[in-house]
C-alpha cells in the first residue's frame, strides 16, 4: 500500500485571547497549515523538488520545521543538549537535501513528536523567560513564538506554491 500524508483538521485561531493563548494558537494554526498542504500526497509527491537547483520540497519543509522547533524551544530556550533530527554537522541543509530516500512517515512522526515536546517545554517557561542565543543575543520565549510564527508563515507560502505545482490545489 502506498503511504500518503494524513488528513488534517486545522483549528481556527482565536479572535480574542490573552497574549500567550494568541501566540500558541497562531503557531498551532501555522503548524497545521503546513500539514494541510501535505495532506493526501504520496511519498514521491512530498519528495518532489520545486525547481532546479533548489532542494525545496514539502518533505524537506516538514523535516526542516521539526528541527527549527527543536532548535528554538529545546536546544536554545531549554538548553537541552540534543542533536538535530535531520540536520547533519557536515551539511546544514541536509533536512532539505536528503529527502530522496527519506521516509515521510518517519518525518511526519518526528514532526508531531517534536511539536509535542516543544509545547511541553514552552509550558514550563513564562513569556518573559530569556536565554542567550548562539550570536550572544538575549531573547525571550515571546520572541521565539513570534519568530516561529514568521518562519512557518514564510515556509507555508513555499508550501502553497509546491502544492499547487504538484496537483493544482490552492487555498489556505
N, C-alpha and C. Protein backbone atom coordinates (compact mmCIF):
# COMPACT_ATOMS: atom_id res chain seq x y z
N UNK A 1 0.84 -1.18 0.00
CA UNK A 1 0.00 0.00 0.00
C UNK A 1 0.88 1.25 0.00
N UNK A 2 0.50 2.24 -0.75
CA UNK A 2 1.25 3.49 -0.86
C UNK A 2 0.98 4.39 0.33
N UNK A 3 2.04 4.93 0.94
CA UNK A 3 1.90 5.84 2.07
C UNK A 3 1.44 7.20 1.55
N UNK A 4 0.50 7.81 2.24
CA UNK A 4 0.09 9.18 1.93
C UNK A 4 0.05 9.99 3.22
N UNK A 5 0.31 11.27 3.08
CA UNK A 5 0.28 12.17 4.24
C UNK A 5 -1.14 12.22 4.79
N UNK A 6 -1.27 12.18 6.11
CA UNK A 6 -2.60 12.14 6.73
C UNK A 6 -3.38 13.43 6.55
N UNK A 7 -4.70 13.29 6.63
CA UNK A 7 -5.59 14.46 6.61
C UNK A 7 -5.40 15.25 7.90
N UNK A 8 -5.71 16.52 7.83
CA UNK A 8 -5.53 17.42 8.97
C UNK A 8 -6.81 18.22 9.18
N UNK A 9 -7.22 18.32 10.42
CA UNK A 9 -8.32 19.22 10.78
C UNK A 9 -7.71 20.44 11.44
N UNK A 10 -7.54 21.48 10.66
CA UNK A 10 -6.91 22.69 11.18
C UNK A 10 -7.92 23.48 12.01
N UNK A 11 -7.48 23.85 13.19
CA UNK A 11 -8.31 24.67 14.07
C UNK A 11 -8.17 26.14 13.70
N UNK A 12 -9.22 26.89 13.88
CA UNK A 12 -9.15 28.33 13.66
C UNK A 12 -8.45 28.99 14.83
N UNK A 13 -7.73 30.05 14.52
CA UNK A 13 -7.10 30.83 15.57
C UNK A 13 -8.16 31.68 16.27
N UNK A 14 -7.96 32.01 17.55
CA UNK A 14 -8.96 32.80 18.26
C UNK A 14 -8.93 34.27 17.81
N UNK A 15 -10.07 34.90 17.86
CA UNK A 15 -10.14 36.33 17.58
C UNK A 15 -9.81 37.16 18.81
N UNK A 16 -10.10 36.59 19.95
CA UNK A 16 -9.84 37.26 21.23
C UNK A 16 -9.25 36.24 22.18
N UNK A 17 -8.10 36.59 22.76
CA UNK A 17 -7.43 35.70 23.71
C UNK A 17 -6.35 36.49 24.42
N UNK A 18 -5.86 35.94 25.54
CA UNK A 18 -4.72 36.60 26.16
C UNK A 18 -3.49 36.36 25.29
N UNK A 19 -2.41 37.05 25.60
CA UNK A 19 -1.23 37.02 24.74
C UNK A 19 -0.69 35.62 24.51
N UNK A 20 -0.55 34.86 25.56
CA UNK A 20 0.03 33.53 25.42
C UNK A 20 -0.85 32.61 24.57
N UNK A 21 -2.14 32.61 24.86
CA UNK A 21 -3.06 31.78 24.07
C UNK A 21 -3.05 32.21 22.60
N UNK A 22 -2.96 33.51 22.35
CA UNK A 22 -2.93 34.00 20.98
C UNK A 22 -1.66 33.51 20.26
N UNK A 23 -0.52 33.64 20.92
CA UNK A 23 0.74 33.19 20.31
C UNK A 23 0.73 31.69 20.06
N UNK A 24 0.33 30.92 21.06
CA UNK A 24 0.28 29.46 20.91
C UNK A 24 -0.69 29.05 19.81
N UNK A 25 -1.85 29.70 19.76
CA UNK A 25 -2.87 29.35 18.77
C UNK A 25 -2.41 29.67 17.35
N UNK A 26 -1.77 30.82 17.16
CA UNK A 26 -1.28 31.16 15.83
C UNK A 26 -0.16 30.23 15.40
N UNK A 27 0.70 29.83 16.32
CA UNK A 27 1.75 28.88 15.97
C UNK A 27 1.12 27.53 15.59
N UNK A 28 0.15 27.08 16.37
CA UNK A 28 -0.54 25.83 16.02
C UNK A 28 -1.24 25.93 14.67
N UNK A 29 -1.85 27.06 14.39
CA UNK A 29 -2.51 27.27 13.10
C UNK A 29 -1.52 27.08 11.95
N UNK A 30 -0.33 27.65 12.10
CA UNK A 30 0.67 27.52 11.04
C UNK A 30 1.27 26.12 10.97
N UNK A 31 1.43 25.47 12.11
CA UNK A 31 1.89 24.07 12.11
C UNK A 31 0.90 23.22 11.32
N UNK A 32 -0.37 23.40 11.61
CA UNK A 32 -1.42 22.62 10.95
C UNK A 32 -1.55 22.99 9.48
N UNK A 33 -1.29 24.24 9.13
CA UNK A 33 -1.33 24.65 7.73
C UNK A 33 -0.28 23.90 6.93
N UNK A 34 0.92 23.77 7.47
CA UNK A 34 1.96 23.01 6.77
C UNK A 34 1.48 21.58 6.51
N UNK A 35 0.94 20.95 7.53
CA UNK A 35 0.46 19.57 7.37
C UNK A 35 -0.71 19.50 6.39
N UNK A 36 -1.56 20.51 6.40
CA UNK A 36 -2.68 20.57 5.47
C UNK A 36 -2.19 20.62 4.02
N UNK A 37 -1.10 21.33 3.79
CA UNK A 37 -0.53 21.43 2.44
C UNK A 37 0.02 20.08 1.97
N UNK A 38 0.34 19.21 2.90
CA UNK A 38 0.90 17.89 2.57
C UNK A 38 -0.17 16.80 2.49
N UNK A 39 -1.32 17.04 3.07
CA UNK A 39 -2.35 16.01 3.22
C UNK A 39 -2.72 15.36 1.89
N UNK A 40 -2.75 14.03 1.92
CA UNK A 40 -3.17 13.25 0.76
C UNK A 40 -2.10 13.01 -0.28
N UNK A 41 -0.91 13.57 -0.10
CA UNK A 41 0.16 13.39 -1.08
C UNK A 41 0.96 12.11 -0.78
N UNK A 42 1.48 11.53 -1.82
CA UNK A 42 2.30 10.32 -1.69
C UNK A 42 3.73 10.71 -1.30
N UNK A 43 4.50 9.71 -0.93
CA UNK A 43 5.91 9.93 -0.61
C UNK A 43 6.64 10.58 -1.78
N UNK A 44 6.37 10.10 -2.97
CA UNK A 44 7.04 10.65 -4.16
C UNK A 44 6.67 12.11 -4.37
N UNK A 45 5.41 12.45 -4.19
CA UNK A 45 4.99 13.85 -4.35
C UNK A 45 5.63 14.74 -3.29
N UNK A 46 5.69 14.25 -2.06
CA UNK A 46 6.28 15.04 -0.98
C UNK A 46 7.77 15.28 -1.20
N UNK A 47 8.43 14.37 -1.89
CA UNK A 47 9.87 14.50 -2.16
C UNK A 47 10.17 15.38 -3.36
N UNK A 48 9.19 15.64 -4.19
CA UNK A 48 9.43 16.37 -5.43
C UNK A 48 9.95 17.78 -5.15
N UNK A 49 11.01 18.14 -5.88
CA UNK A 49 11.67 19.45 -5.71
C UNK A 49 10.90 20.53 -6.45
N UNK A 50 11.07 21.75 -5.98
CA UNK A 50 10.39 22.89 -6.58
C UNK A 50 10.87 23.11 -8.01
N UNK A 51 12.10 23.46 -8.16
CA UNK A 51 12.70 23.71 -9.47
C UNK A 51 14.22 23.75 -9.26
N UNK A 52 14.95 23.16 -10.19
CA UNK A 52 16.41 23.15 -10.07
C UNK A 52 16.94 24.58 -10.04
N UNK A 53 17.94 24.88 -9.26
CA UNK A 53 18.74 24.00 -8.43
C UNK A 53 18.23 23.88 -6.99
N UNK A 54 17.05 24.37 -6.71
CA UNK A 54 16.52 24.37 -5.34
C UNK A 54 16.30 22.94 -4.85
N UNK A 55 16.57 22.71 -3.57
CA UNK A 55 16.28 21.40 -2.97
C UNK A 55 14.97 21.45 -2.17
N UNK A 56 14.21 22.52 -2.34
CA UNK A 56 12.96 22.72 -1.60
C UNK A 56 11.90 21.70 -2.01
N UNK A 57 11.33 21.04 -1.00
CA UNK A 57 10.23 20.10 -1.20
C UNK A 57 9.33 20.15 0.02
N UNK A 58 8.13 19.63 -0.10
CA UNK A 58 7.24 19.59 1.07
C UNK A 58 7.81 18.71 2.17
N UNK A 59 8.39 17.57 1.80
CA UNK A 59 9.01 16.72 2.81
C UNK A 59 10.18 17.44 3.48
N UNK A 60 10.95 18.15 2.71
CA UNK A 60 12.04 18.94 3.27
C UNK A 60 11.53 19.99 4.25
N UNK A 61 10.41 20.61 3.94
CA UNK A 61 9.83 21.60 4.85
C UNK A 61 9.40 20.96 6.17
N UNK A 62 8.80 19.79 6.12
CA UNK A 62 8.39 19.10 7.34
C UNK A 62 9.63 18.77 8.18
N UNK A 63 10.66 18.25 7.54
CA UNK A 63 11.90 17.92 8.24
C UNK A 63 12.57 19.18 8.80
N UNK A 64 12.63 20.23 8.00
CA UNK A 64 13.25 21.49 8.41
C UNK A 64 12.54 22.08 9.62
N UNK A 65 11.23 22.14 9.57
CA UNK A 65 10.49 22.78 10.66
C UNK A 65 10.49 21.93 11.93
N UNK A 66 10.62 20.63 11.81
CA UNK A 66 10.81 19.80 13.02
C UNK A 66 12.12 20.21 13.71
N UNK A 67 13.17 20.42 12.92
CA UNK A 67 14.45 20.83 13.50
C UNK A 67 14.44 22.29 13.97
N UNK A 68 13.70 23.14 13.30
CA UNK A 68 13.57 24.53 13.75
C UNK A 68 12.89 24.56 15.12
N UNK A 69 11.82 23.81 15.27
CA UNK A 69 11.13 23.72 16.57
C UNK A 69 12.11 23.24 17.64
N UNK A 70 12.80 22.15 17.35
CA UNK A 70 13.76 21.56 18.29
C UNK A 70 14.84 22.57 18.66
N UNK A 71 15.33 23.28 17.66
CA UNK A 71 16.41 24.24 17.88
C UNK A 71 16.00 25.36 18.83
N UNK A 72 14.86 25.98 18.56
CA UNK A 72 14.48 27.15 19.35
C UNK A 72 13.92 26.78 20.72
N UNK A 73 13.03 25.84 20.81
CA UNK A 73 12.39 25.53 22.09
C UNK A 73 13.27 24.66 22.98
N UNK A 74 13.84 23.62 22.43
CA UNK A 74 14.53 22.63 23.26
C UNK A 74 16.02 22.91 23.40
N UNK A 75 16.70 23.14 22.29
CA UNK A 75 18.16 23.34 22.35
C UNK A 75 18.51 24.72 22.91
N UNK A 76 17.79 25.74 22.53
CA UNK A 76 18.15 27.10 22.96
C UNK A 76 17.41 27.51 24.23
N UNK A 77 16.09 27.58 24.18
CA UNK A 77 15.33 28.04 25.34
C UNK A 77 15.55 27.13 26.54
N UNK A 78 15.42 25.82 26.35
CA UNK A 78 15.50 24.88 27.46
C UNK A 78 16.92 24.34 27.69
N UNK A 79 17.86 24.73 26.83
CA UNK A 79 19.28 24.35 26.97
C UNK A 79 19.50 22.83 26.99
N UNK A 80 18.66 22.09 26.25
CA UNK A 80 18.84 20.64 26.16
C UNK A 80 20.00 20.32 25.21
N UNK A 81 20.84 19.43 25.62
CA UNK A 81 21.98 19.01 24.80
C UNK A 81 21.56 17.80 23.96
N UNK A 82 20.84 18.09 22.88
CA UNK A 82 20.31 17.05 22.00
C UNK A 82 20.68 17.37 20.56
N UNK A 83 20.88 16.36 19.74
CA UNK A 83 21.23 16.61 18.33
C UNK A 83 19.97 17.00 17.54
N UNK A 84 20.21 17.53 16.36
CA UNK A 84 19.10 17.76 15.44
C UNK A 84 18.59 16.41 14.95
N UNK A 85 17.37 16.38 14.49
CA UNK A 85 16.80 15.16 13.94
C UNK A 85 17.27 14.92 12.50
N UNK A 86 17.32 15.98 11.69
CA UNK A 86 17.58 15.83 10.27
C UNK A 86 18.79 16.61 9.76
N UNK A 87 19.18 17.65 10.45
CA UNK A 87 20.33 18.44 10.04
C UNK A 87 21.59 17.74 10.53
N UNK A 88 22.54 17.55 9.60
CA UNK A 88 23.81 16.91 9.93
C UNK A 88 24.90 17.96 10.03
N UNK A 89 25.89 17.70 10.86
CA UNK A 89 27.01 18.64 11.03
C UNK A 89 27.74 18.89 9.72
N UNK A 90 27.84 17.88 8.87
CA UNK A 90 28.57 18.04 7.62
C UNK A 90 27.72 18.67 6.50
N UNK A 91 26.43 18.90 6.77
CA UNK A 91 25.56 19.53 5.77
C UNK A 91 24.38 20.18 6.49
N UNK A 92 24.47 21.48 6.68
CA UNK A 92 23.39 22.18 7.40
C UNK A 92 22.08 22.24 6.61
N UNK A 93 22.11 21.84 5.34
CA UNK A 93 20.89 21.78 4.53
C UNK A 93 20.40 20.36 4.31
N UNK A 94 20.91 19.42 5.09
CA UNK A 94 20.54 18.02 4.89
C UNK A 94 19.05 17.77 5.13
N UNK A 95 18.39 18.62 5.92
CA UNK A 95 16.95 18.47 6.11
C UNK A 95 16.22 18.59 4.78
N UNK A 96 16.73 19.41 3.87
CA UNK A 96 16.17 19.56 2.53
C UNK A 96 16.86 18.64 1.52
N UNK A 97 18.17 18.53 1.63
CA UNK A 97 18.95 17.81 0.61
C UNK A 97 18.73 16.30 0.62
N UNK A 98 18.49 15.73 1.78
CA UNK A 98 18.47 14.27 1.93
C UNK A 98 17.06 13.66 1.92
N UNK A 99 16.19 14.15 1.05
CA UNK A 99 14.81 13.63 1.05
C UNK A 99 14.57 12.52 0.03
N UNK A 100 15.50 12.31 -0.88
CA UNK A 100 15.26 11.35 -1.97
C UNK A 100 14.93 9.95 -1.47
N UNK A 101 15.54 9.54 -0.37
CA UNK A 101 15.26 8.21 0.19
C UNK A 101 14.67 8.30 1.60
N UNK A 102 14.37 9.51 2.03
CA UNK A 102 13.82 9.70 3.39
C UNK A 102 12.43 9.10 3.49
N UNK A 103 12.12 8.61 4.67
CA UNK A 103 10.82 8.01 4.97
C UNK A 103 9.86 9.11 5.43
N UNK A 104 8.87 9.46 4.62
CA UNK A 104 7.93 10.51 5.02
C UNK A 104 7.18 10.18 6.30
N UNK A 105 6.80 8.92 6.49
CA UNK A 105 6.11 8.54 7.72
C UNK A 105 6.95 8.85 8.94
N UNK A 106 8.24 8.56 8.85
CA UNK A 106 9.16 8.86 9.94
C UNK A 106 9.26 10.37 10.16
N UNK A 107 9.33 11.12 9.08
CA UNK A 107 9.44 12.59 9.20
C UNK A 107 8.18 13.19 9.82
N UNK A 108 7.01 12.70 9.42
CA UNK A 108 5.76 13.23 9.98
C UNK A 108 5.62 12.85 11.45
N UNK A 109 6.04 11.65 11.80
CA UNK A 109 6.03 11.23 13.20
C UNK A 109 7.00 12.08 14.01
N UNK A 110 8.18 12.31 13.47
CA UNK A 110 9.18 13.15 14.15
C UNK A 110 8.65 14.57 14.33
N UNK A 111 8.01 15.10 13.30
CA UNK A 111 7.44 16.45 13.39
C UNK A 111 6.42 16.51 14.53
N UNK A 112 5.48 15.57 14.55
CA UNK A 112 4.45 15.56 15.59
C UNK A 112 5.06 15.42 16.97
N UNK A 113 6.04 14.55 17.09
CA UNK A 113 6.72 14.34 18.36
C UNK A 113 7.44 15.60 18.82
N UNK A 114 8.08 16.26 17.88
CA UNK A 114 8.82 17.48 18.21
C UNK A 114 7.86 18.59 18.63
N UNK A 115 6.76 18.74 17.94
CA UNK A 115 5.77 19.76 18.31
C UNK A 115 5.29 19.51 19.74
N UNK A 116 4.98 18.26 20.08
CA UNK A 116 4.53 17.95 21.44
C UNK A 116 5.61 18.24 22.48
N UNK A 117 6.82 17.85 22.17
CA UNK A 117 7.93 18.12 23.10
C UNK A 117 8.15 19.61 23.28
N UNK A 118 8.02 20.36 22.22
CA UNK A 118 8.20 21.82 22.30
C UNK A 118 7.07 22.48 23.05
N UNK A 119 5.85 22.01 22.87
CA UNK A 119 4.73 22.52 23.67
C UNK A 119 5.00 22.29 25.16
N UNK A 120 5.50 21.10 25.49
CA UNK A 120 5.78 20.77 26.89
C UNK A 120 6.87 21.68 27.45
N UNK A 121 7.91 21.93 26.68
CA UNK A 121 8.97 22.84 27.13
C UNK A 121 8.41 24.24 27.34
N UNK A 122 7.67 24.74 26.37
CA UNK A 122 7.13 26.10 26.46
C UNK A 122 6.24 26.25 27.69
N UNK A 123 5.51 25.20 28.02
CA UNK A 123 4.59 25.26 29.17
C UNK A 123 5.34 25.45 30.49
N UNK A 124 6.62 25.14 30.52
CA UNK A 124 7.42 25.30 31.75
C UNK A 124 8.09 26.67 31.83
N UNK A 125 7.88 27.50 30.85
CA UNK A 125 8.53 28.82 30.80
C UNK A 125 7.49 29.92 30.67
N UNK A 126 7.81 31.07 31.24
CA UNK A 126 7.00 32.26 31.06
C UNK A 126 7.41 32.98 29.78
N UNK A 127 6.54 33.81 29.25
CA UNK A 127 6.84 34.55 28.02
C UNK A 127 8.07 35.44 28.17
N UNK A 128 8.34 35.89 29.38
CA UNK A 128 9.49 36.77 29.63
C UNK A 128 10.77 36.01 29.98
N UNK A 129 10.72 34.68 30.06
CA UNK A 129 11.93 33.90 30.31
C UNK A 129 12.88 34.10 29.14
N UNK A 130 14.18 34.22 29.46
CA UNK A 130 15.16 34.52 28.42
C UNK A 130 16.27 33.48 28.37
N UNK A 131 17.01 33.55 27.28
CA UNK A 131 18.20 32.73 27.05
C UNK A 131 19.09 33.54 26.13
N UNK A 132 20.34 33.13 26.01
CA UNK A 132 21.27 33.78 25.10
C UNK A 132 21.47 32.86 23.91
N UNK A 133 21.24 33.39 22.71
CA UNK A 133 21.37 32.55 21.51
C UNK A 133 22.84 32.42 21.09
N UNK A 134 23.08 31.70 20.01
CA UNK A 134 24.44 31.42 19.56
C UNK A 134 25.20 32.67 19.13
N UNK A 135 24.49 33.77 18.86
CA UNK A 135 25.15 35.03 18.50
C UNK A 135 25.43 35.91 19.71
N UNK A 136 25.00 35.44 20.89
CA UNK A 136 25.19 36.22 22.11
C UNK A 136 24.07 37.20 22.39
N UNK A 137 22.95 37.05 21.70
CA UNK A 137 21.80 37.94 21.86
C UNK A 137 20.83 37.33 22.86
N UNK A 138 20.37 38.14 23.81
CA UNK A 138 19.38 37.67 24.79
C UNK A 138 17.99 37.76 24.14
N UNK A 139 17.27 36.64 24.18
CA UNK A 139 15.94 36.53 23.58
C UNK A 139 14.97 35.95 24.59
N UNK A 140 13.67 36.19 24.37
CA UNK A 140 12.64 35.67 25.27
C UNK A 140 11.81 34.60 24.58
N UNK A 141 11.05 33.86 25.38
CA UNK A 141 10.10 32.91 24.81
C UNK A 141 9.11 33.64 23.91
N UNK A 142 8.70 34.82 24.30
CA UNK A 142 7.79 35.62 23.45
C UNK A 142 8.40 35.80 22.06
N UNK A 143 9.69 36.14 22.02
CA UNK A 143 10.39 36.32 20.75
C UNK A 143 10.38 35.01 19.94
N UNK A 144 10.60 33.88 20.62
CA UNK A 144 10.60 32.58 19.93
C UNK A 144 9.25 32.33 19.27
N UNK A 145 8.16 32.59 20.00
CA UNK A 145 6.83 32.41 19.40
C UNK A 145 6.66 33.26 18.16
N UNK A 146 7.00 34.54 18.26
CA UNK A 146 6.83 35.44 17.11
C UNK A 146 7.71 34.98 15.96
N UNK A 147 8.95 34.61 16.25
CA UNK A 147 9.86 34.15 15.20
C UNK A 147 9.33 32.88 14.52
N UNK A 148 8.85 31.93 15.32
CA UNK A 148 8.35 30.68 14.73
C UNK A 148 7.10 30.93 13.89
N UNK A 149 6.23 31.82 14.32
CA UNK A 149 5.05 32.17 13.51
C UNK A 149 5.51 32.74 12.17
N UNK A 150 6.51 33.61 12.21
CA UNK A 150 7.06 34.19 10.97
C UNK A 150 7.69 33.11 10.11
N UNK A 151 8.46 32.23 10.73
CA UNK A 151 9.15 31.16 9.99
C UNK A 151 8.13 30.25 9.29
N UNK A 152 7.12 29.83 10.02
CA UNK A 152 6.08 28.99 9.42
C UNK A 152 5.33 29.73 8.32
N UNK A 153 4.99 30.99 8.55
CA UNK A 153 4.24 31.74 7.55
C UNK A 153 5.02 31.82 6.24
N UNK A 154 6.32 32.08 6.34
CA UNK A 154 7.17 32.16 5.14
C UNK A 154 7.21 30.81 4.44
N UNK A 155 7.46 29.75 5.20
CA UNK A 155 7.55 28.43 4.59
C UNK A 155 6.20 27.91 4.12
N UNK A 156 5.12 28.32 4.75
CA UNK A 156 3.79 27.92 4.25
C UNK A 156 3.50 28.58 2.91
N UNK A 157 4.07 29.75 2.66
CA UNK A 157 3.98 30.34 1.32
C UNK A 157 4.69 29.46 0.30
N UNK A 158 5.86 28.94 0.68
CA UNK A 158 6.55 27.99 -0.20
C UNK A 158 5.69 26.75 -0.41
N UNK A 159 5.10 26.26 0.69
CA UNK A 159 4.26 25.06 0.60
C UNK A 159 3.06 25.28 -0.32
N UNK A 160 2.49 26.48 -0.30
CA UNK A 160 1.39 26.80 -1.22
C UNK A 160 1.81 26.58 -2.67
N UNK A 161 2.97 27.12 -3.01
CA UNK A 161 3.45 27.01 -4.39
C UNK A 161 3.80 25.58 -4.76
N UNK A 162 4.44 24.87 -3.83
CA UNK A 162 4.78 23.47 -4.10
C UNK A 162 3.53 22.63 -4.32
N UNK A 163 2.53 22.81 -3.48
CA UNK A 163 1.30 22.02 -3.61
C UNK A 163 0.58 22.35 -4.90
N UNK A 164 0.50 23.62 -5.24
CA UNK A 164 -0.17 23.99 -6.49
C UNK A 164 0.55 23.38 -7.68
N UNK A 165 1.87 23.36 -7.66
CA UNK A 165 2.65 22.77 -8.74
C UNK A 165 2.41 21.26 -8.85
N UNK A 166 2.21 20.60 -7.70
CA UNK A 166 2.03 19.15 -7.70
C UNK A 166 0.68 18.72 -8.25
N UNK A 167 -0.38 19.35 -7.77
CA UNK A 167 -1.72 18.87 -8.18
C UNK A 167 -2.74 19.96 -8.42
N UNK A 168 -2.30 21.21 -8.44
CA UNK A 168 -3.20 22.31 -8.71
C UNK A 168 -4.01 22.79 -7.52
N UNK A 169 -3.83 22.16 -6.35
CA UNK A 169 -4.58 22.57 -5.17
C UNK A 169 -4.14 23.95 -4.72
N UNK A 170 -5.09 24.81 -4.45
CA UNK A 170 -4.81 26.15 -3.93
C UNK A 170 -5.69 26.41 -2.72
N UNK A 171 -5.37 27.44 -2.00
CA UNK A 171 -6.15 27.80 -0.81
C UNK A 171 -5.28 27.76 0.42
N UNK A 172 -5.84 28.27 1.51
CA UNK A 172 -5.01 28.34 2.71
C UNK A 172 -5.18 27.17 3.55
